[in-house]
Amino acid sequence: MNERDHDAMDRALEGMCYPCDRRQLVRHAAAQGAGDDLLGHLGGLPDHRYDGVTAVREALARRG
């Protein structure tokens, strides 16, 4: 993900209640109007609990 993607992710996850799981991340981002690319990235994350947007960013970075 590039910087523009990170900005879109920040907007899409604004107001997200943490901790949450992957399914909740995707559902929230979709409700916020996230695009298919971002939803695909989030949907490809490991299915475990995320305690904040930093944890989401780190998981995305590990995926490459």
Protein backbone atom coordinates (compact mmCIF):
# COMPACT_ATOMS: atom_id res chain seq x y z
CA MET A 1 0.00 0.00 0.00
CA ASN A 2 1.23 3.47 -0.81
CA GLU A 3 0.68 6.70 1.14
CA ARG A 4 -2.54 7.47 -0.74
CA ASP A 5 -3.85 4.01 0.20
CA HIS A 6 -2.95 4.65 3.84
CA ASP A 7 -4.88 7.93 3.77
CA ALA A 8 -7.91 6.14 2.32
CA MET A 9 -7.58 3.46 5.01
CA ASP A 10 -7.44 6.09 7.75
CA ARG A 11 -10.66 7.64 6.41
CA ALA A 12 -12.36 4.27 6.02
CA LEU A 13 -11.48 3.15 9.55
CA GLU A 14 -12.32 6.45 11.22
CA GLY A 15 -14.66 5.76 14.12
CA MET A 16 -13.81 2.04 14.22
CA CYS A 17 -14.19 0.53 17.69
CA TYR A 18 -11.15 -1.52 18.69
CA PRO A 19 -10.36 -4.26 19.39
CA CYS A 20 -12.02 -5.80 16.36
CA ASP A 21 -11.53 -8.67 13.97
CA ARG A 22 -10.94 -8.71 10.21
CA ARG A 23 -14.62 -9.12 9.40
CA GLN A 24 -15.51 -6.05 11.45
CA LEU A 25 -12.75 -4.03 9.76
CA VAL A 26 -14.03 -4.91 6.30
CA ARG A 27 -17.66 -4.26 7.22
CA HIS A 28 -16.85 -0.87 8.75
CA ALA A 29 -14.64 0.18 5.82
CA ALA A 30 -17.36 -0.84 3.35
CA ALA A 31 -19.95 1.18 5.27
CA GLN A 32 -17.58 4.17 5.09
CA GLY A 33 -17.41 3.83 1.29
CA ALA A 34 -13.98 2.22 0.93
CA GLY A 35 -13.01 1.12 -2.55
CA ASP A 36 -12.56 -2.44 -3.71
CA ASP A 37 -8.76 -2.27 -3.50
CA LEU A 38 -8.78 -1.32 0.16
CA LEU A 39 -11.49 -3.84 0.97
CA GLY A 40 -9.38 -6.49 -0.74
CA HIS A 41 -6.33 -5.56 1.33
CA LEU A 42 -8.33 -5.64 4.56
CA GLY A 43 -10.06 -8.86 3.58
CA GLY A 44 -6.68 -10.52 3.05
CA LEU A 45 -5.50 -9.82 6.59
CA PRO A 46 -5.08 -12.69 9.04
CA ASP A 47 -8.26 -13.38 10.97
CA HIS A 48 -7.41 -12.23 14.47
CA ARG A 49 -8.08 -9.27 16.78
CA TYR A 50 -6.65 -5.83 15.97
CA ASP A 51 -6.21 -3.33 18.77
CA GLY A 52 -5.91 -0.22 16.63
CA VAL A 53 -5.12 1.24 13.24
CA THR A 54 -1.39 0.81 13.92
CA ALA A 55 -1.89 -2.95 14.27
CA VAL A 56 -3.83 -2.95 10.98
CA ARG A 57 -1.04 -1.01 9.24
CA GLU A 58 1.60 -3.41 10.59
CA ALA A 59 -0.36 -6.45 9.43
CA LEU A 60 -0.76 -4.92 5.97
CA ALA A 61 2.96 -4.15 5.81
CA ARG A 62 3.82 -7.78 6.65
CA ARG A 63 1.64 -8.92 3.74
CA GLY A 64 3.73 -6.79 1.39
